[in-house]
């Protein structure tokens, strides 16, 4: 999986960002900027399948992993993303080991799962033989579940044992909401959950990371906690936040000059 897997397997932290606009040129910019991976969000955005495919293709050209968050833990939603040849897939809001098992089965062909056969781009438009594809597709796809509810934290050890799970990622805001303190990601109970999940993942040998915001120029102080926990990957910022912060800064600077 290009730079992303190389770093994780080499014991280094991979750095990714988020995409919410579905713009192919922006994907190229992220690749040129050096990001190891891009989290393409189809849960909270208007990104359609064709735009998603174009984004995946653009990222592949720069060795940047395309990791897609689908809207829900549903094999119908997972199937086309897998057929597009995404490097990774994220299942949101799992709350039990059974939820995670269902997610993994969506990605695996029988007898291990329930994925229907029909790869398109994933097997190089049919130019890769079925045997070669079957032998490689499990290792070549990073299957992630998002830990963003206290129920998942309470059974994290069981979740981490689920077969075919490649990694987990924490969702701080929704996790805080499940504890009744939405947005208070520095609340002691929320931080306790972070520590519990990180320690469990390290003990189980399962890669873990976080999805979080980031203000350019802030120095990344809020991110140090994840470095200290030994996170394997971190996704920061987004195309929307970069555009808005840059546009707002430019407007303020010019407006001050005019005044």
Protein backbone atom coordinates (compact mmCIF):
# COMPACT_ATOMS: atom_id res chain seq x y z
CA UNK A 1 0.00 0.00 0.00
CA UNK A 2 2.62 2.49 -1.01
CA UNK A 3 4.03 4.88 1.58
CA UNK A 4 1.34 4.20 4.15
CA UNK A 5 2.03 0.51 4.60
CA UNK A 6 5.77 0.98 4.26
CA UNK A 7 5.80 3.34 7.23
CA UNK A 8 3.53 1.22 9.42
CA UNK A 9 5.51 -1.94 8.73
CA UNK A 10 8.72 -0.04 9.33
CA UNK A 11 7.61 1.16 12.75
CA UNK A 12 7.15 4.78 11.71
CA UNK A 13 4.03 6.93 12.12
CA UNK A 14 2.15 7.57 8.88
CA UNK A 15 0.56 10.98 8.35
CA UNK A 16 -2.67 11.41 6.46
CA UNK A 17 -5.31 14.06 5.86
CA UNK A 18 -9.04 14.12 5.11
CA UNK A 19 -10.89 14.78 1.86
CA UNK A 20 -14.46 16.04 1.94
CA UNK A 21 -14.86 17.70 -1.46
CA UNK A 22 -14.17 14.87 -3.91
CA UNK A 23 -11.81 16.94 -6.05
CA UNK A 24 -9.28 15.06 -8.17
CA UNK A 25 -6.87 18.05 -8.44
CA UNK A 26 -6.89 18.41 -4.66
CA UNK A 27 -5.98 14.72 -4.34
CA UNK A 28 -3.00 15.41 -6.58
CA UNK A 29 -2.05 18.35 -4.36
CA UNK A 30 -2.16 16.10 -1.29
CA UNK A 31 0.05 13.60 -3.05
CA UNK A 32 2.52 16.28 -4.10
CA UNK A 33 2.50 17.68 -0.55
CA UNK A 34 3.76 14.31 0.67
CA UNK A 35 0.86 12.84 2.63
CA UNK A 36 1.11 9.08 3.16
CA UNK A 37 -2.66 8.59 2.96
CA UNK A 38 -5.91 10.44 2.38
CA UNK A 39 -9.09 9.59 4.27
CA UNK A 40 -11.84 10.12 1.70
CA UNK A 41 -15.05 10.68 3.63
CA UNK A 42 -18.28 9.47 2.05
CA UNK A 43 -20.14 9.37 5.38
CA UNK A 44 -20.71 13.10 5.90
CA UNK A 45 -20.18 14.46 2.39
CA UNK A 46 -21.73 14.67 -1.08
CA UNK A 47 -18.92 12.71 -2.77
CA UNK A 48 -20.46 10.36 -5.34
CA UNK A 49 -19.04 7.12 -6.72
CA UNK A 50 -17.54 8.59 -9.89
CA UNK A 51 -15.79 11.38 -8.00
CA UNK A 52 -14.57 8.81 -5.49
CA UNK A 53 -13.10 6.65 -8.25
CA UNK A 54 -11.31 9.67 -9.75
CA UNK A 55 -9.87 10.54 -6.34
CA UNK A 56 -8.56 7.02 -5.83
CA UNK A 57 -6.90 7.02 -9.25
CA UNK A 58 -5.31 10.42 -8.61
CA UNK A 59 -3.84 9.35 -5.27
CA UNK A 60 -2.45 6.11 -6.69
CA UNK A 61 -0.31 8.16 -9.05
CA UNK A 62 1.61 9.64 -6.11
CA UNK A 63 2.00 6.55 -3.94
CA UNK A 64 -0.53 7.97 -1.49
CA UNK A 65 -2.98 5.47 -0.04
CA UNK A 66 -6.67 6.10 -0.71
CA UNK A 67 -8.60 5.05 2.40
CA UNK A 68 -12.36 5.44 2.14
CA UNK A 69 -14.80 5.83 5.01
CA UNK A 70 -18.17 4.48 3.98
CA UNK A 71 -21.43 5.85 5.46
CA UNK A 72 -22.35 2.78 7.53
CA UNK A 73 -21.42 -0.80 8.33
CA UNK A 74 -23.21 -2.27 5.33
CA UNK A 75 -21.84 -4.72 2.72
CA UNK A 76 -23.84 -2.96 0.01
CA UNK A 77 -21.90 0.24 0.70
CA UNK A 78 -18.56 -1.52 1.05
CA UNK A 79 -18.75 -3.52 -2.17
CA UNK A 80 -18.29 -0.77 -4.80
CA UNK A 81 -15.46 0.83 -2.79
CA UNK A 82 -13.59 -2.47 -2.74
CA UNK A 83 -14.19 -2.98 -6.47
CA UNK A 84 -12.69 0.45 -7.18
CA UNK A 85 -9.41 -0.78 -5.73
CA UNK A 86 -9.31 1.52 -2.70
CA UNK A 87 -6.23 0.86 -0.58
CA UNK A 88 -8.29 0.85 2.58
CA UNK A 89 -11.83 1.00 3.89
CA UNK A 90 -13.14 2.42 7.17
CA UNK A 91 -16.32 1.18 8.83
CA UNK A 92 -17.76 3.83 11.19
CA UNK A 93 -19.46 3.55 14.56
CA UNK A 94 -18.90 -0.09 15.44
CA UNK A 95 -20.03 -0.94 18.99
CA UNK A 96 -19.25 -4.64 19.39
CA UNK A 97 -17.08 -7.48 18.16
CA UNK A 98 -20.13 -8.70 16.24
CA UNK A 99 -20.27 -5.38 14.39
CA UNK A 100 -16.61 -5.73 13.47
CA UNK A 101 -17.11 -9.31 12.33
CA UNK A 102 -19.91 -8.12 10.04
CA UNK A 103 -17.64 -5.44 8.61
CA UNK A 104 -14.81 -7.86 7.91
CA UNK A 105 -17.16 -10.34 6.24
CA UNK A 106 -18.17 -7.55 3.85
CA UNK A 107 -14.58 -7.44 2.60
CA UNK A 108 -13.83 -11.16 2.33
CA UNK A 109 -15.00 -13.67 -0.27
CA UNK A 110 -16.62 -16.93 0.87
CA UNK A 111 -16.06 -19.02 2.84
CA UNK A 112 -14.53 -16.38 5.11
CA UNK A 113 -17.06 -13.67 4.28
CA UNK A 114 -20.02 -12.63 2.18
CA UNK A 115 -18.45 -10.39 -0.46
CA UNK A 116 -19.88 -11.00 -3.89
CA UNK A 117 -17.42 -11.50 -6.73
CA UNK A 118 -17.15 -8.77 -9.34
CA UNK A 119 -13.92 -6.77 -9.07
CA UNK A 120 -13.55 -4.06 -11.67
CA UNK A 121 -10.53 -1.85 -11.11
CA UNK A 122 -9.42 -3.92 -8.12
CA UNK A 123 -8.12 -6.69 -10.39
CA UNK A 124 -6.74 -4.30 -13.00
CA UNK A 125 -9.88 -4.41 -15.10
CA UNK A 126 -9.64 -8.17 -15.46
CA UNK A 127 -5.98 -8.26 -16.49
CA UNK A 128 -5.00 -9.81 -13.15
CA UNK A 129 -5.85 -13.49 -13.00
CA UNK A 130 -8.37 -14.63 -10.43
CA UNK A 131 -5.84 -16.79 -8.62
CA UNK A 132 -3.38 -13.92 -8.31
CA UNK A 133 -6.13 -11.60 -7.12
CA UNK A 134 -7.46 -14.05 -4.54
CA UNK A 135 -3.94 -14.55 -3.20
CA UNK A 136 -3.29 -10.83 -2.75
CA UNK A 137 -6.51 -8.93 -2.08
CA UNK A 138 -6.63 -9.56 1.68
CA UNK A 139 -3.11 -8.32 2.28
CA UNK A 140 -3.47 -5.42 -0.15
CA UNK A 141 -6.55 -3.87 1.49
CA UNK A 142 -6.37 -2.14 4.88
CA UNK A 143 -9.62 -2.87 6.76
CA UNK A 144 -10.30 -0.42 9.59
CA UNK A 145 -13.09 0.07 12.09
CA UNK A 146 -13.70 3.35 13.86
CA UNK A 147 -13.84 3.32 17.65
CA UNK A 148 -16.17 6.20 18.40
CA UNK A 149 -18.52 4.89 21.08
CA UNK A 150 -17.92 3.93 24.69
CA UNK A 151 -19.53 0.53 24.01
CA UNK A 152 -16.67 -0.28 21.64
CA UNK A 153 -14.14 0.79 24.24
CA UNK A 154 -15.70 -1.53 26.80
CA UNK A 155 -15.15 -4.55 24.52
CA UNK A 156 -11.98 -3.41 22.75
CA UNK A 157 -10.08 -6.61 23.57
CA UNK A 158 -12.72 -8.72 21.81
CA UNK A 159 -12.82 -6.32 18.86
CA UNK A 160 -9.07 -6.56 18.36
CA UNK A 161 -9.30 -10.36 18.09
CA UNK A 162 -11.64 -10.32 15.09
CA UNK A 163 -10.10 -12.07 12.11
CA UNK A 164 -9.10 -9.97 9.07
CA UNK A 165 -9.10 -6.70 11.04
CA UNK A 166 -6.17 -4.59 9.81
CA UNK A 167 -6.42 -1.65 12.20
CA UNK A 168 -8.57 0.66 14.27
CA UNK A 169 -8.97 4.42 14.37
CA UNK A 170 -10.34 6.58 17.16
CA UNK A 171 -13.03 9.19 16.54
CA UNK A 172 -12.63 11.64 19.45
CA UNK A 173 -15.74 13.78 18.95
CA UNK A 174 -18.34 11.02 18.65
CA UNK A 175 -16.61 9.10 21.43
CA UNK A 176 -16.95 12.13 23.68
CA UNK A 177 -20.62 12.41 22.65
CA UNK A 178 -21.28 8.81 23.69
CA UNK A 179 -20.01 9.78 27.14
CA UNK A 180 -22.32 12.79 27.33
CA UNK A 181 -19.60 15.41 26.85
CA UNK A 182 -19.74 16.06 23.10
CA UNK A 183 -16.75 18.03 21.87
CA UNK A 184 -14.89 17.84 25.17
CA UNK A 185 -12.13 15.60 23.88
CA UNK A 186 -9.85 16.54 26.75
CA UNK A 187 -12.39 15.43 29.36
CA UNK A 188 -10.80 12.94 31.82
CA UNK A 189 -13.26 10.16 30.93
CA UNK A 190 -12.61 10.63 27.21
CA UNK A 191 -8.85 10.65 27.71
CA UNK A 192 -9.18 7.49 29.77
CA UNK A 193 -10.90 5.83 26.81
CA UNK A 194 -8.10 6.97 24.50
CA UNK A 195 -5.52 5.39 26.79
CA UNK A 196 -7.51 2.17 27.16
CA UNK A 197 -7.82 1.69 23.40
CA UNK A 198 -4.19 2.60 22.69
CA UNK A 199 -2.85 0.18 25.31
CA UNK A 200 -5.11 -2.62 24.12
CA UNK A 201 -4.10 -2.12 20.49
CA UNK A 202 -0.41 -2.15 21.36
CA UNK A 203 -0.84 -5.30 23.43
CA UNK A 204 -2.73 -7.04 20.61
CA UNK A 205 -0.29 -5.87 17.94
CA UNK A 206 -3.03 -4.18 15.92
CA UNK A 207 -2.17 -0.82 14.32
CA UNK A 208 -4.16 2.11 15.66
CA UNK A 209 -4.52 5.79 14.89
CA UNK A 210 -6.75 8.80 15.20
CA UNK A 211 -8.79 11.17 13.08
CA UNK A 212 -8.53 14.71 14.36
CA UNK A 213 -8.55 18.35 13.35
CA UNK A 214 -5.44 20.46 13.05
CA UNK A 215 -4.81 24.17 12.66
CA UNK A 216 -1.92 24.95 10.34
CA UNK A 217 0.73 26.93 12.18
CA UNK A 218 -0.39 25.78 15.63
CA UNK A 219 2.72 23.70 16.16
CA UNK A 220 0.78 20.47 16.57
CA UNK A 221 0.80 20.55 20.36
CA UNK A 222 -2.53 18.74 20.59
CA UNK A 223 -1.15 15.93 18.43
CA UNK A 224 1.74 15.09 20.73
CA UNK A 225 -0.52 12.99 22.94
CA UNK A 226 -1.00 10.57 20.04
CA UNK A 227 2.71 10.38 19.36
CA UNK A 228 3.21 9.61 23.05
CA UNK A 229 0.58 6.84 22.90
CA UNK A 230 2.47 5.24 20.03
CA UNK A 231 -0.12 5.80 17.30
CA UNK A 232 0.74 4.16 14.01
CA UNK A 233 -1.09 6.73 11.89
CA UNK A 234 -2.79 10.06 12.32
CA UNK A 235 -5.23 11.85 10.00
CA UNK A 236 -5.28 15.63 10.38
CA UNK A 237 -6.98 18.60 8.72
CA UNK A 238 -8.99 18.49 5.51
CA UNK A 239 -9.36 20.09 2.11
CA UNK A 240 -12.24 22.15 3.52
CA UNK A 241 -10.30 23.42 6.53
CA UNK A 242 -7.23 24.28 4.44
CA UNK A 243 -9.31 26.23 1.93
CA UNK A 244 -11.38 28.03 4.56
CA UNK A 245 -8.44 28.99 6.78
CA UNK A 246 -6.44 30.24 3.78
CA UNK A 247 -9.36 32.16 2.31
CA UNK A 248 -10.30 33.74 5.65
CA UNK A 249 -6.68 34.74 6.35
CA UNK A 250 -6.33 36.33 2.90
CA UNK A 251 -9.58 38.28 3.34
CA UNK A 252 -8.57 39.55 6.77
CA UNK A 253 -5.14 40.62 5.57
CA UNK A 254 -6.46 42.53 2.55
CA UNK A 255 -9.37 44.03 4.50
CA UNK A 256 -7.00 45.33 7.16
CA UNK A 257 -4.85 46.87 4.48
CA UNK A 258 -7.85 48.59 2.87
CA UNK A 259 -9.04 49.96 6.19
